[in-house]
């Protein structure tokens, strides 16, 4: 009878030790809910834990992406072009007057020559009119030269198209610029960028926000490179009322190459470690694995991935860092392991 208290004490201690061991195993499973399958770390997370941690996934579809070059520019005043137009019109008016006087003098000379043949007018008078013709011709030629010089100087600064607009050729686009319905933009490309041979439309934003960007339309290549970026300069026109002279804009210019096919994931889906990028995929209701991503392309909506993801894969978009922590924890050696 006296032995029973000791037996009971022994049983109690044995049960307590077993409970402690079981508890330690449970804690270890909770802290490190991973296993290695075919060399791949698989993270196990029950649905309750997913809900508590706020883990969310999303299925994405492939899309086509036209790569873009980001550049910068500015809306400018058209007063220099207006000055060119005014100067050209003034000289053109003088040229027209000189031409009319020259034509009148030529008619007078033709009449005087007939009269001179019949000795109805003196040679001196004919010579005076011929001298007048030479003077009128000189004035006319000077006006022609001045207009050619105006056009030449304008082309050196503004290019062929804007020069045509500002030297008398009627243009609906230039009328909109003069009335303030449209704005003139100068966009500077980075040094070494290829010419925009096929680009007709770009997107611009005064706020630098690609999501709220709007269209601007190509006018022409400008003759001079930008003194700061050392890249090509192009003129564009836009009808957006928020663009006024002096406003700086960010421009997104389509690259002249084939579009890419892939999937866009939000920034929250991407994980980074030691220069390597990856996302987590949900492969079962409670299992997750990571997928390495090579050369993700930054876009306004997040990252564009060209090859490593396919349609209908379930990508973790919230909770990526938590899964990353679980995976790292699985790689830490157990201190009790020999």
Foldseek 3Di string as FASTA:
>chain_A
DVCVVVVVVVVVVVVVVVVVVVVVVVVVCVLQVWDADPNFIKHFDAPVRCVVQVWDKDFWAKDWFQAWDKFKWFWAACVVLQVLLVVLVVLVVQLVVLVVVLVVLVVVLVVVVVCVVVVNDDPVVSVVSVVVNVVSVVSNVVSVVVNVVSLVVCCLFANDQSSCCSNPNPDPLVVCSVVVQKIKMKIADAPPDDDPPPFFKKWKDLVAAPVPTDIWGWRAWGNDHDPVRRGTITMIMDRDNVHDGPRMMMIITGDPDGIAMFTFAAQQQWDDDPRWIWGWWDPDNGIIGIWTADDWPQDNRHTTGGPRDHGGTMTTRHCRVVVVSSVVVNVDDDPPDD
